[in-house]
C-alpha atoms as a PDB file:
ATOM      1  CA  MET A   1       0.000   0.000   0.000  1.00  0.00           C
ATOM      2  CA  SER A   2       2.767   2.415   0.881  1.00  0.00           C
ATOM      3  CA  GLY A   3       4.459   1.608  -2.455  1.00  0.00           C
ATOM      4  CA  LEU A   4       1.322   2.551  -4.388  1.00  0.00           C
ATOM      5  CA  MET A   5       1.027   5.804  -2.422  1.00  0.00           C
ATOM      6  CA  LEU A   6       4.627   6.658  -3.248  1.00  0.00           C
ATOM      7  CA  VAL A   7       4.085   6.007  -6.968  1.00  0.00           C
ATOM      8  CA  PHE A   8       0.908   8.097  -6.879  1.00  0.00           C
ATOM      9  CA  LEU A   9       2.748  10.945  -5.164  1.00  0.00           C
ATOM     10  CA  VAL A  10       5.554  10.929  -7.764  1.00  0.00           C
ATOM     11  CA  VAL A  11       3.032  10.940 -10.624  1.00  0.00           C
ATOM     12  CA  LEU A  12       1.135  13.794  -8.958  1.00  0.00           C
ATOM     13  CA  ILE A  13       4.316  15.871  -8.661  1.00  0.00           C
ATOM     14  CA  PHE A  14       5.079  15.389 -12.357  1.00  0.00           C
ATOM     15  CA  VAL A  15       1.512  16.416 -13.253  1.00  0.00           C
ATOM     16  CA  VAL A  16       1.805  19.594 -11.150  1.00  0.00           C
ATOM     17  CA  LEU A  17       5.154  20.488 -12.717  1.00  0.00           C
ATOM     18  CA  TYR A  18       3.732  19.906 -16.185  1.00  0.00           C
ATOM     19  CA  GLN A  19       0.756  22.155 -15.454  1.00  0.00           C
ATOM     20  CA  VAL A  20       3.038  24.902 -14.090  1.00  0.00           C
ATOM     21  CA  ALA A  21       5.148  24.726 -17.248  1.00  0.00           C
ATOM     22  CA  ARG A  22       2.039  24.905 -19.455  1.00  0.00           C
ATOM     23  CA  SER A  23       0.736  27.866 -17.480  1.00  0.00           C
ATOM     24  CA  SER A  24       4.052  29.681 -17.933  1.00  0.00           C
ATOM     25  CA  GLU A  25       3.887  29.126 -21.687  1.00  0.00           C
ATOM     26  CA  MET A  26       0.333  30.499 -21.864  1.00  0.00           C
ATOM     27  CA  VAL A  27       1.266  33.584 -19.792  1.00  0.00           C
ATOM     28  CA  ALA A  28       4.271  34.166 -22.060  1.00  0.00           C
ATOM     29  CA  GLN A  29       2.056  34.017 -25.132  1.00  0.00           C
ATOM     30  CA  ILE A  30      -0.420  36.501 -23.625  1.00  0.00           C
ATOM     31  CA  GLN A  31       2.139  39.010 -22.282  1.00  0.00           C
ATOM     32  CA  GLY A  32       4.735  38.585 -24.975  1.00  0.00           C
ATOM     33  CA  GLU A  33       7.801  36.400 -24.813  1.00  0.00           C
ATOM     34  CA  GLN A  34      10.320  39.168 -24.086  1.00  0.00           C
ATOM     35  CA  GLN A  35       8.230  40.921 -21.444  1.00  0.00           C
ATOM     36  CA  PHE A  36       7.493  37.683 -19.633  1.00  0.00           C
ATOM     37  CA  ASP A  37      11.135  36.599 -19.793  1.00  0.00           C
ATOM     38  CA  LYS A  38      12.236  39.930 -18.305  1.00  0.00           C
ATOM     39  CA  LYS A  39       9.829  39.657 -15.351  1.00  0.00           C
ATOM     40  CA  ARG A  40      10.739  36.046 -14.727  1.00  0.00           C
ATOM     41  CA  ASN A  41      14.478  36.790 -14.695  1.00  0.00           C
ATOM     42  CA  LYS A  42      13.935  39.640 -12.257  1.00  0.00           C
ATOM     43  CA  ILE A  43      12.027  37.362  -9.894  1.00  0.00           C
ATOM     44  CA  LEU A  44      14.727  34.701 -10.209  1.00  0.00           C
ATOM     45  CA  GLY A  45      17.462  37.300  -9.573  1.00  0.00           C
ATOM     46  CA  PHE A  46      15.869  38.442  -6.298  1.00  0.00           C
ATOM     47  CA  SER A  47      15.248  34.802  -5.410  1.00  0.00           C
ATOM     48  CA  MET A  48      18.995  34.198  -5.675  1.00  0.00           C
ATOM     49  CA  LEU A  49      19.680  36.948  -3.124  1.00  0.00           C
ATOM     50  CA  ILE A  50      17.044  35.552  -0.751  1.00  0.00           C
ATOM     51  CA  LEU A  51      18.482  32.051  -1.217  1.00  0.00           C
ATOM     52  CA  MET A  52      22.001  33.336  -0.477  1.00  0.00           C
ATOM     53  CA  ILE A  53      20.868  34.952   2.794  1.00  0.00           C
ATOM     54  CA  ALA A  54      18.944  31.833   3.805  1.00  0.00           C
ATOM     55  CA  PHE A  55      21.964  29.720   2.870  1.00  0.00           C
ATOM     56  CA  PHE A  56      24.385  31.599   5.140  1.00  0.00           C
ATOM     57  CA  VAL A  57      21.861  31.890   7.975  1.00  0.00           C
ATOM     58  CA  GLY A  58      21.422  28.119   7.758  1.00  0.00           C
ATOM     59  CA  ILE A  59      25.189  27.574   7.948  1.00  0.00           C
ATOM     60  CA  VAL A  60      25.492  29.740  11.069  1.00  0.00           C
ATOM     61  CA  TRP A  61      22.459  28.088  12.666  1.00  0.00           C
ATOM     62  CA  CYS A  62      23.772  24.576  11.945  1.00  0.00           C
ATOM     63  CA  HIS A  63      27.163  25.520  13.366  1.00  0.00           C
ATOM     64  CA  GLU A  64      25.596  26.762  16.585  1.00  0.00           C
ATOM     65  CA  TYR A  65      23.332  23.731  16.773  1.00  0.00           C
ATOM     66  CA  MET A  66      26.114  21.201  16.129  1.00  0.00           C
ATOM     67  CA  LEU A  67      28.694  22.858  18.374  1.00  0.00           C
ATOM     68  CA  PRO A  68      27.738  20.884  21.534  1.00  0.00           C
ATOM     69  CA  LEU A  69      28.406  17.648  19.611  1.00  0.00           C
ATOM     70  CA  MET A  70      32.012  18.629  18.923  1.00  0.00           C
ATOM     71  CA  GLY A  71      34.769  17.286  21.147  1.00  0.00           C
ATOM     72  CA  PRO A  72      36.335  19.283  23.968  1.00  0.00           C
ATOM     73  CA  GLU A  73      39.795  20.809  23.750  1.00  0.00           C
ATOM     74  CA  ALA A  74      42.672  18.600  22.685  1.00  0.00           C
ATOM     75  CA  ALA A  75      44.134  16.568  25.547  1.00  0.00           C
ATOM     76  CA  SER A  76      47.609  16.040  24.050  1.00  0.00           C
ATOM     77  CA  ASN A  77      50.515  18.095  22.790  1.00  0.00           C
ATOM     78  CA  HIS A  78      50.106  16.848  19.218  1.00  0.00           C
ATOM     79  CA  GLY A  79      46.377  17.492  19.456  1.00  0.00           C
ATOM     80  CA  VAL A  80      47.033  21.207  19.966  1.00  0.00           C
ATOM     81  CA  GLN A  81      49.057  21.234  16.734  1.00  0.00           C
ATOM     82  CA  TYR A  82      46.310  19.407  14.871  1.00  0.00           C
ATOM     83  CA  ASP A  83      43.680  21.835  16.134  1.00  0.00           C
ATOM     84  CA  PHE A  84      45.838  24.736  14.921  1.00  0.00           C
ATOM     85  CA  MET A  85      46.185  23.080  11.514  1.00  0.00           C
ATOM     86  CA  PHE A  86      42.428  22.516  11.360  1.00  0.00           C
ATOM     87  CA  LYS A  87      41.698  26.154  12.209  1.00  0.00           C
ATOM     88  CA  VAL A  88      44.138  27.427   9.577  1.00  0.00           C
ATOM     89  CA  THR A  89      42.558  25.143   6.963  1.00  0.00           C
ATOM     90  CA  LEU A  90      39.068  26.214   8.034  1.00  0.00           C
ATOM     91  CA  TRP A  91      39.897  29.920   7.784  1.00  0.00           C
ATOM     92  CA  VAL A  92      41.586  29.619   4.383  1.00  0.00           C
ATOM     93  CA  THR A  93      38.892  27.465   2.804  1.00  0.00           C
ATOM     94  CA  GLY A  94      36.122  29.357   4.641  1.00  0.00           C
ATOM     95  CA  ILE A  95      37.179  32.736   3.255  1.00  0.00           C
ATOM     96  CA  VAL A  96      37.395  31.328  -0.265  1.00  0.00           C
ATOM     97  CA  PHE A  97      34.038  29.587   0.152  1.00  0.00           C
ATOM     98  CA  VAL A  98      32.213  32.712   1.364  1.00  0.00           C
ATOM     99  CA  LEU A  99      33.798  34.897  -1.318  1.00  0.00           C
ATOM    100  CA  THR A 100      32.962  32.561  -4.205  1.00  0.00           C
ATOM    101  CA  GLN A 101      29.390  31.907  -3.016  1.00  0.00           C
ATOM    102  CA  VAL A 102      28.628  35.604  -2.541  1.00  0.00           C
ATOM    103  CA  LEU A 103      29.989  36.360  -6.016  1.00  0.00           C
ATOM    104  CA  LEU A 104      28.016  33.454  -7.488  1.00  0.00           C
ATOM    105  CA  PHE A 105      24.649  34.622  -6.129  1.00  0.00           C
ATOM    106  CA  TRP A 106      25.384  38.320  -6.712  1.00  0.00           C
ATOM    107  CA  PHE A 107      26.302  37.695 -10.350  1.00  0.00           C
ATOM    108  CA  CYS A 108      23.013  35.806 -10.822  1.00  0.00           C
ATOM    109  CA  PHE A 109      21.185  38.913  -9.620  1.00  0.00           C
ATOM    110  CA  LYS A 110      23.375  41.614 -11.130  1.00  0.00           C
ATOM    111  CA  TYR A 111      23.746  40.155 -14.599  1.00  0.00           C
ATOM    112  CA  GLN A 112      20.286  38.737 -15.137  1.00  0.00           C
ATOM    113  CA  ARG A 113      19.123  38.898 -18.723  1.00  0.00           C
ATOM    114  CA  ASN A 114      16.787  41.860 -19.219  1.00  0.00           C
ATOM    115  CA  GLY A 115      17.214  42.632 -22.900  1.00  0.00           C
ATOM    116  CA  ASP A 116      19.117  45.884 -22.287  1.00  0.00           C
ATOM    117  CA  LYS A 117      22.618  44.438 -22.367  1.00  0.00           C
ATOM    118  CA  ALA A 118      24.331  42.170 -24.828  1.00  0.00           C
ATOM    119  CA  PRO A 119      26.461  39.355 -23.383  1.00  0.00           C
ATOM    120  CA  VAL A 120      30.207  39.413 -24.028  1.00  0.00           C
ATOM    121  CA  PHE A 121      31.996  36.228 -25.034  1.00  0.00           C
ATOM    122  CA  PHE A 122      35.199  35.873 -23.002  1.00  0.00           C
ATOM    123  CA  ALA A 123      37.314  33.104 -24.518  1.00  0.00           C
ATOM    124  CA  HIS A 124      40.693  32.973 -22.809  1.00  0.00           C
ATOM    125  CA  SER A 125      43.107  34.761 -20.459  1.00  0.00           C
ATOM    126  CA  ASN A 126      46.549  33.444 -19.583  1.00  0.00           C
ATOM    127  CA  LYS A 127      46.777  35.930 -16.704  1.00  0.00           C
ATOM    128  CA  LEU A 128      43.583  34.725 -15.038  1.00  0.00           C
ATOM    129  CA  GLU A 129      44.498  31.070 -15.490  1.00  0.00           C
ATOM    130  CA  LEU A 130      47.916  31.714 -13.952  1.00  0.00           C
ATOM    131  CA  ILE A 131      46.331  33.431 -10.944  1.00  0.00           C
ATOM    132  CA  TRP A 132      43.632  30.844 -10.210  1.00  0.00           C
ATOM    133  CA  THR A 133      46.141  28.002 -10.653  1.00  0.00           C
ATOM    134  CA  THR A 134      49.132  29.430  -8.779  1.00  0.00           C
ATOM    135  CA  VAL A 135      47.339  30.882  -5.742  1.00  0.00           C
ATOM    136  CA  PRO A 136      45.429  27.671  -4.814  1.00  0.00           C
ATOM    137  CA  ALA A 137      48.566  25.597  -5.479  1.00  0.00           C
ATOM    138  CA  ILE A 138      50.629  27.707  -3.064  1.00  0.00           C
ATOM    139  CA  ALA A 139      47.874  27.624  -0.437  1.00  0.00           C
ATOM    140  CA  MET A 140      47.550  23.843  -0.715  1.00  0.00           C
ATOM    141  CA  ALA A 141      51.341  23.394  -0.548  1.00  0.00           C
ATOM    142  CA  VAL A 142      51.467  25.382   2.702  1.00  0.00           C
ATOM    143  CA  LEU A 143      48.611  23.366   4.234  1.00  0.00           C
ATOM    144  CA  VAL A 144      50.194  20.065   3.162  1.00  0.00           C
ATOM    145  CA  ALA A 145      53.547  21.140   4.615  1.00  0.00           C
ATOM    146  CA  ILE A 146      51.921  21.914   7.972  1.00  0.00           C
ATOM    147  CA  GLY A 147      50.155  18.537   7.898  1.00  0.00           C
ATOM    148  CA  LEU A 148      53.303  16.593   6.989  1.00  0.00           C
ATOM    149  CA  LYS A 149      55.244  18.248   9.807  1.00  0.00           C
ATOM    150  CA  ALA A 150      52.586  17.161  12.310  1.00  0.00           C
ATOM    151  CA  TRP A 151      52.449  13.656  10.818  1.00  0.00           C
ATOM    152  CA  PHE A 152      56.214  13.095  10.864  1.00  0.00           C
ATOM    153  CA  THR A 153      56.339  14.302  14.462  1.00  0.00           C
ATOM    154  CA  MET A 154      53.538  11.963  15.549  1.00  0.00           C
ATOM    155  CA  THR A 155      55.015   8.905  13.805  1.00  0.00           C
ATOM    156  CA  GLY A 156      58.668   9.766  14.489  1.00  0.00           C
ATOM    157  CA  GLU A 157      60.906   8.488  17.243  1.00  0.00           C
ATOM    158  CA  ALA A 158      59.421   8.899  20.703  1.00  0.00           C
ATOM    159  CA  PRO A 159      61.385  10.878  23.313  1.00  0.00           C
ATOM    160  CA  LYS A 160      63.725   8.996  25.609  1.00  0.00           C
ATOM    161  CA  GLY A 161      62.002   7.731  28.723  1.00  0.00           C
ATOM    162  CA  ALA A 162      58.613   7.522  27.037  1.00  0.00           C
ATOM    163  CA  MET A 163      56.145   4.914  28.273  1.00  0.00           C
ATOM    164  CA  GLN A 164      55.560   2.003  25.918  1.00  0.00           C
ATOM    165  CA  ILE A 165      52.171   0.347  25.611  1.00  0.00           C
ATOM    166  CA  GLU A 166      51.241  -2.290  23.055  1.00  0.00           C
ATOM    167  CA  ILE A 167      47.676  -2.118  21.770  1.00  0.00           C
ATOM    168  CA  VAL A 168      46.379  -4.968  19.598  1.00  0.00           C
ATOM    169  CA  GLY A 169      43.006  -5.145  17.899  1.00  0.00           C
ATOM    170  CA  LYS A 170      40.947  -8.240  17.254  1.00  0.00           C
ATOM    171  CA  GLN A 171      37.316  -8.827  16.379  1.00  0.00           C
ATOM    172  CA  PHE A 172      35.859  -7.196  18.406  1.00  0.00           C
ATOM    173  CA  ASN A 173      37.908  -5.752  21.234  1.00  0.00           C
ATOM    174  CA  TRP A 174      41.295  -4.265  22.088  1.00  0.00           C
ATOM    175  CA  ILE A 175      44.080  -5.913  24.100  1.00  0.00           C
ATOM    176  CA  SER A 176      46.694  -3.756  25.814  1.00  0.00           C
ATOM    177  CA  ARG A 177      50.092  -4.850  27.153  1.00  0.00           C
ATOM    178  CA  TYR A 178      52.277  -2.942  29.609  1.00  0.00           C
ATOM    179  CA  PRO A 179      55.918  -3.659  30.482  1.00  0.00           C
ATOM    180  CA  GLY A 180      56.489  -4.823  34.029  1.00  0.00           C
ATOM    181  CA  PRO A 181      59.201  -3.690  36.464  1.00  0.00           C
ATOM    182  CA  ASP A 182      61.939  -4.400  33.896  1.00  0.00           C
ATOM    183  CA  GLY A 183      60.474  -1.661  31.676  1.00  0.00           C
ATOM    184  CA  GLU A 184      60.629  -3.820  28.513  1.00  0.00           C
ATOM    185  CA  LEU A 185      58.096  -5.737  26.468  1.00  0.00           C
ATOM    186  CA  GLY A 186      58.987  -9.330  25.678  1.00  0.00           C
ATOM    187  CA  LYS A 187      59.013 -10.991  22.271  1.00  0.00           C
ATOM    188  CA  LYS A 188      55.941 -12.628  20.788  1.00  0.00           C
ATOM    189  CA  TYR A 189      55.169 -14.967  17.897  1.00  0.00           C
ATOM    190  CA  PHE A 190      51.807 -15.224  16.166  1.00  0.00           C
ATOM    191  CA  LEU A 191      51.782 -19.028  16.156  1.00  0.00           C
ATOM    192  CA  ASN A 192      51.766 -18.943  19.967  1.00  0.00           C
ATOM    193  CA  ILE A 193      48.443 -17.096  20.086  1.00  0.00           C
ATOM    194  CA  ASN A 194      45.538 -18.805  21.833  1.00  0.00           C
ATOM    195  CA  ASP A 195      42.562 -17.318  23.627  1.00  0.00           C
ATOM    196  CA  LYS A 196      43.032 -19.487  26.703  1.00  0.00           C
ATOM    197  CA  ASP A 197      46.356 -18.359  28.156  1.00  0.00           C
ATOM    198  CA  ASN A 198      48.334 -16.468  25.494  1.00  0.00           C
ATOM    199  CA  LEU A 199      46.261 -13.715  23.893  1.00  0.00           C
ATOM    200  CA  LEU A 200      49.200 -12.037  22.138  1.00  0.00           C
ATOM    201  CA  GLY A 201      51.420 -15.059  21.458  1.00  0.00           C
ATOM    202  CA  GLN A 202      54.149 -14.192  23.961  1.00  0.00           C
ATOM    203  CA  ASP A 203      57.333 -16.243  23.849  1.00  0.00           C
ATOM    204  CA  TRP A 204      57.733 -17.625  27.376  1.00  0.00           C
ATOM    205  CA  LYS A 205      61.401 -18.370  26.692  1.00  0.00           C
ATOM    206  CA  ASP A 206      61.961 -14.628  26.714  1.00  0.00           C
ATOM    207  CA  LYS A 207      62.275 -13.685  30.386  1.00  0.00           C
ATOM    208  CA  ARG A 208      61.127 -10.131  29.630  1.00  0.00           C
ATOM    209  CA  ASN A 209      57.642 -11.526  29.108  1.00  0.00           C
ATOM    210  CA  MET A 210      57.347 -12.827  32.647  1.00  0.00           C
ATOM    211  CA  ASP A 211      56.390  -9.487  34.186  1.00  0.00           C
ATOM    212  CA  ASP A 212      54.386  -8.026  31.294  1.00  0.00           C
ATOM    213  CA  ILE A 213      50.842  -6.980  32.193  1.00  0.00           C
ATOM    214  CA  ILE A 214      47.970  -7.664  29.793  1.00  0.00           C
ATOM    215  CA  ILE A 215      44.561  -6.009  30.018  1.00  0.00           C
ATOM    216  CA  PRO A 216      42.072  -8.048  27.905  1.00  0.00           C
ATOM    217  CA  ASN A 217      39.560  -5.188  27.685  1.00  0.00           C
ATOM    218  CA  GLY A 218      42.212  -2.891  26.175  1.00  0.00           C
ATOM    219  CA  GLU A 219      42.094  -0.218  28.875  1.00  0.00           C
ATOM    220  CA  LEU A 220      44.838   2.376  28.430  1.00  0.00           C
ATOM    221  CA  ARG A 221      46.375   3.953  31.528  1.00  0.00           C
ATOM    222  CA  LEU A 222      48.366   7.066  30.643  1.00  0.00           C
ATOM    223  CA  VAL A 223      50.278   9.535  32.788  1.00  0.00           C
ATOM    224  CA  LYS A 224      49.831  13.286  32.467  1.00  0.00           C
ATOM    225  CA  ASP A 225      52.843  15.087  30.915  1.00  0.00           C
ATOM    226  CA  VAL A 226      54.668  11.792  30.273  1.00  0.00           C
ATOM    227  CA  PRO A 227      55.196  10.833  26.595  1.00  0.00           C
ATOM    228  CA  VAL A 228      53.670   7.516  25.609  1.00  0.00           C
ATOM    229  CA  GLU A 229      54.469   5.407  22.561  1.00  0.00           C
ATOM    230  CA  LEU A 230      51.728   3.097  21.308  1.00  0.00           C
ATOM    231  CA  ILE A 231      52.940  -0.059  19.544  1.00  0.00           C
ATOM    232  CA  ILE A 232      49.983  -1.047  17.392  1.00  0.00           C
ATOM    233  CA  GLY A 233      49.052  -4.331  15.748  1.00  0.00           C
ATOM    234  CA  SER A 234      46.138  -6.592  14.818  1.00  0.00           C
ATOM    235  CA  ARG A 235      45.354 -10.273  15.249  1.00  0.00           C
ATOM    236  CA  ASP A 236      42.959 -10.626  12.316  1.00  0.00           C
ATOM    237  CA  VAL A 237      41.715  -7.790  10.058  1.00  0.00           C
ATOM    238  CA  ILE A 238      42.578  -4.116   9.698  1.00  0.00           C
ATOM    239  CA  HIS A 239      41.430  -2.046  12.667  1.00  0.00           C
ATOM    240  CA  ASP A 240      42.228   1.538  13.533  1.00  0.00           C
ATOM    241  CA  VAL A 241      43.280   3.067  16.839  1.00  0.00           C
ATOM    242  CA  GLY A 242      41.125   6.172  17.184  1.00  0.00           C
ATOM    243  CA  LEU A 243      41.853   8.575  20.047  1.00  0.00           C
ATOM    244  CA  SER A 244      39.650  11.522  19.168  1.00  0.00           C
ATOM    245  CA  HIS A 245      40.206  13.447  22.402  1.00  0.00           C
ATOM    246  CA  PHE A 246      43.937  13.334  21.747  1.00  0.00           C
ATOM    247  CA  ARG A 247      43.490  13.919  17.991  1.00  0.00           C
ATOM    248  CA  MET A 248      45.422  10.729  17.218  1.00  0.00           C
ATOM    249  CA  LYS A 249      44.664   7.966  14.729  1.00  0.00           C
ATOM    250  CA  MET A 250      46.641   5.040  13.333  1.00  0.00           C
ATOM    251  CA  ASP A 251      45.789   1.827  11.471  1.00  0.00           C
ATOM    252  CA  ALA A 252      46.241  -1.533  13.189  1.00  0.00           C
ATOM    253  CA  VAL A 253      47.357  -3.859  10.393  1.00  0.00           C
ATOM    254  CA  PRO A 254      47.849  -7.640  10.737  1.00  0.00           C
ATOM    255  CA  GLY A 255      51.500  -8.578  10.234  1.00  0.00           C
ATOM    256  CA  ILE A 256      52.718  -4.969  10.426  1.00  0.00           C
ATOM    257  CA  THR A 257      53.666  -2.942  13.489  1.00  0.00           C
ATOM    258  CA  THR A 258      52.724   0.731  13.462  1.00  0.00           C
ATOM    259  CA  ARG A 259      53.643   3.324  16.067  1.00  0.00           C
ATOM    260  CA  ILE A 260      52.513   6.725  17.268  1.00  0.00           C
ATOM    261  CA  TRP A 261      53.484   8.776  20.288  1.00  0.00           C
ATOM    262  CA  PHE A 262      52.039  11.752  22.124  1.00  0.00           C
ATOM    263  CA  THR A 263      52.008  13.387  25.533  1.00  0.00           C
ATOM    264  CA  PRO A 264      48.704  13.545  27.472  1.00  0.00           C
ATOM    265  CA  THR A 265      48.206  16.991  28.993  1.00  0.00           C
ATOM    266  CA  ILE A 266      44.860  16.767  30.816  1.00  0.00           C
ATOM    267  CA  THR A 267      43.919  14.098  33.334  1.00  0.00           C
ATOM    268  CA  THR A 268      40.512  12.452  33.260  1.00  0.00           C
ATOM    269  CA  ALA A 269      39.588  14.221  36.500  1.00  0.00           C
ATOM    270  CA  GLU A 270      40.604  17.611  35.071  1.00  0.00           C
ATOM    271  CA  MET A 271      38.608  16.999  31.885  1.00  0.00           C
ATOM    272  CA  LYS A 272      35.535  16.158  33.961  1.00  0.00           C
ATOM    273  CA  MET A 273      35.832  19.589  35.557  1.00  0.00           C
ATOM    274  CA  LYS A 274      36.467  21.337  32.233  1.00  0.00           C
ATOM    275  CA  THR A 275      33.442  19.737  30.573  1.00  0.00           C
ATOM    276  CA  GLY A 276      31.218  19.814  33.650  1.00  0.00           C
ATOM    277  CA  ASN A 277      30.441  16.149  33.001  1.00  0.00           C
ATOM    278  CA  GLU A 278      31.072  13.803  35.918  1.00  0.00           C
ATOM    279  CA  ASN A 279      30.592  10.795  33.620  1.00  0.00           C
ATOM    280  CA  PHE A 280      33.194  11.924  31.079  1.00  0.00           C
ATOM    281  CA  VAL A 281      35.697   9.295  29.912  1.00  0.00           C
ATOM    282  CA  TYR A 282      38.404   9.289  27.277  1.00  0.00           C
ATOM    283  CA  GLU A 283      37.737   6.647  24.660  1.00  0.00           C
ATOM    284  CA  LEU A 284      39.711   4.379  22.374  1.00  0.00           C
ATOM    285  CA  SER A 285      37.558   3.484  19.370  1.00  0.00           C
ATOM    286  CA  CYS A 286      38.037   1.480  16.195  1.00  0.00           C
ATOM    287  CA  ASP A 287      37.893   3.946  13.297  1.00  0.00           C
ATOM    288  CA  GLN A 288      37.966   1.300  10.561  1.00  0.00           C
ATOM    289  CA  MET A 289      34.945  -0.805   9.643  1.00  0.00           C
ATOM    290  CA  CYS A 290      36.103  -4.267  10.716  1.00  0.00           C
ATOM    291  CA  GLY A 291      32.972  -6.427  10.768  1.00  0.00           C
ATOM    292  CA  LYS A 292      29.509  -6.752  12.236  1.00  0.00           C
ATOM    293  CA  GLY A 293      30.723  -6.085  15.786  1.00  0.00           C
ATOM    294  CA  HIS A 294      32.667  -2.941  14.840  1.00  0.00           C
ATOM    295  CA  TYR A 295      30.296  -0.692  16.779  1.00  0.00           C
ATOM    296  CA  SER A 296      31.217  -2.376  20.079  1.00  0.00           C
ATOM    297  CA  MET A 297      34.997  -2.181  19.655  1.00  0.00           C
ATOM    298  CA  ARG A 298      35.688   0.343  22.368  1.00  0.00           C
ATOM    299  CA  ALA A 299      38.036   0.752  25.316  1.00  0.00           C
ATOM    300  CA  ILE A 300      38.434   3.249  28.144  1.00  0.00           C
ATOM    301  CA  VAL A 301      41.463   5.546  28.381  1.00  0.00           C
ATOM    302  CA  VAL A 302      42.451   6.835  31.810  1.00  0.00           C
ATOM    303  CA  VAL A 303      44.853   9.767  32.163  1.00  0.00           C
ATOM    304  CA  GLU A 304      46.168  10.030  35.702  1.00  0.00           C
ATOM    305  CA  THR A 305      49.052  11.344  37.773  1.00  0.00           C
ATOM    306  CA  GLN A 306      52.318   9.439  38.139  1.00  0.00           C
ATOM    307  CA  ALA A 307      51.468   8.469  41.728  1.00  0.00           C
ATOM    308  CA  GLU A 308      48.076   7.094  40.680  1.00  0.00           C
ATOM    309  CA  HIS A 309      49.647   5.168  37.820  1.00  0.00           C
ATOM    310  CA  ASP A 310      52.352   3.651  40.044  1.00  0.00           C
ATOM    311  CA  LYS A 311      49.690   2.553  42.526  1.00  0.00           C
ATOM    312  CA  TRP A 312      47.683   0.923  39.727  1.00  0.00           C
ATOM    313  CA  LEU A 313      50.744  -0.912  38.406  1.00  0.00           C
ATOM    314  CA  LYS A 314      51.521  -2.359  41.848  1.00  0.00           C
ATOM    315  CA  GLU A 315      48.026  -3.802  42.004  1.00  0.00           C
ATOM    316  CA  GLN A 316      48.410  -5.668  38.706  1.00  0.00           C
ATOM    317  CA  LYS A 317      49.687  -9.214  38.288  1.00  0.00           C
ATOM    318  CA  SER A 318      51.686 -10.208  35.279  1.00  0.00           C
ATOM    319  CA  TYR A 319      49.884 -12.188  32.602  1.00  0.00           C
ATOM    320  CA  TYR A 320      52.236 -15.140  33.127  1.00  0.00           C
ATOM    321  CA  VAL A 321      51.512 -15.271  36.864  1.00  0.00           C
ATOM    322  CA  GLN A 322      47.760 -15.147  36.219  1.00  0.00           C
ATOM    323  CA  ASN A 323      47.926 -18.117  33.860  1.00  0.00           C
ATOM    324  CA  HIS A 324      50.513 -20.166  35.800  1.00  0.00           C
ATOM    325  CA  PRO A 325      49.378 -19.873  39.450  1.00  0.00           C
ATOM    326  CA  GLU A 326      50.898 -23.239  40.320  1.00  0.00           C
ATOM    327  CA  GLU A 327      54.359 -21.741  39.835  1.00  0.00           C
ATOM    328  CA  PHE A 328      53.632 -18.818  42.149  1.00  0.00           C
ATOM    329  CA  PRO A 329      51.829 -20.092  45.269  1.00  0.00           C
ATOM    330  CA  ALA A 330      52.610 -16.836  47.078  1.00  0.00           C
ATOM    331  CA  GLU A 331      50.511 -15.019  44.517  1.00  0.00           C
ATOM    332  CA  ALA A 332      47.416 -17.175  45.146  1.00  0.00           C
ATOM    333  CA  PRO A 333      44.376 -15.216  46.336  1.00  0.00           C
ATOM    334  CA  ILE A 334      43.629 -15.174  50.049  1.00  0.00           C
ATOM    335  CA  VAL A 335      40.514 -17.183  50.911  1.00  0.00           C
ATOM    336  CA  ALA A 336      38.365 -15.966  53.783  1.00  0.00           C
ATOM    337  CA  PRO A 337      37.768 -18.495  56.613  1.00  0.00           C
ATOM    338  CA  VAL A 338      34.432 -20.321  56.503  1.00  0.00           C
ATOM    339  CA  ASP A 339      32.304 -22.302  58.916  1.00  0.00           C
ATOM    340  CA  SER A 340      33.769 -25.849  58.977  1.00  0.00           C
ATOM    341  CA  SER A 341      30.349 -27.304  59.702  1.00  0.00           C
ATOM    342  CA  LYS A 342      29.233 -26.398  56.183  1.00  0.00           C
ATOM    343  CA  LYS A 343      30.225 -28.668  53.353  1.00  0.00           C
ATOM    344  CA  ILE A 344      32.104 -26.360  50.997  1.00  0.00           C
ATOM    345  CA  THR A 345      34.773 -27.548  48.615  1.00  0.00           C
ATOM    346  CA  MET A 346      37.709 -25.123  48.362  1.00  0.00           C
ATOM    347  CA  ASN A 347      40.596 -25.107  45.919  1.00  0.00           C
ATOM    348  CA  LYS A 348      43.960 -25.402  47.514  1.00  0.00           C
END
């Protein structure tokens, strides 16, 4: 039924348009072709001015309406650079956009055909072509240079003493790995991967793996004003590490290791105060369509002080200890005493 209504509506629209066109032809025949054409062009010329005003008012209104949906200030040092680059690009393209659109609508009004002026055929001008080719090319070269500088900084060598965190994507969650007290991540091999006790395929012959900490839900714990290098990979398909609050983004490609580094500048607690949102959290998202569960591929990012981070690290057990408790009896969880009269089986 709805399909028939839609077809009927389309046919009705075509009938109305046809009748309007026929009416215009009849009016033109009655008033005279030239007189009618002159009046119609005048109406269309003023309509262009009204449309231009409505167009720009709509842009401003949409900007004001959409502004609350935009992210808060950048929470990293590189993010500040990216915001600057974005603003420069927006101003350059915005000025050109406004200028060209105003000229477009004004010319439609100013040079409407009224029968009093003859059009001039303008075939070619080397000077104009040189101007409208050279100026945009220079502007684009400057913008690209600014972007490349930011990109090479983000993907370049991290500062000495930077934290290292491995982040690996798989359908459909992130896995993060932190170095233990030795400050180094151990080797891994993809054939060692299994979802039972070796999520990243760590090589247990490498002693550096013994104290590495793995967070299966991919939570990132960062320290304010301390550079962090993310070592990025994937277990299956292409994912993408998206850190919108930090203005960072990098593909996670199976078989290839990619890296980015940045310095967090605002703790989670400080951002809650800045935004006035007690429920605010930084987020790690997958910015590459990776399958039917893509929408759920999300992890929390916590930016904290050094003291808070050290306290959190002390509370974590290495992944090896968690999966080999028989080798570390001292690490076994403490079991609360129970009433011996009740028949409860307890693991030793």
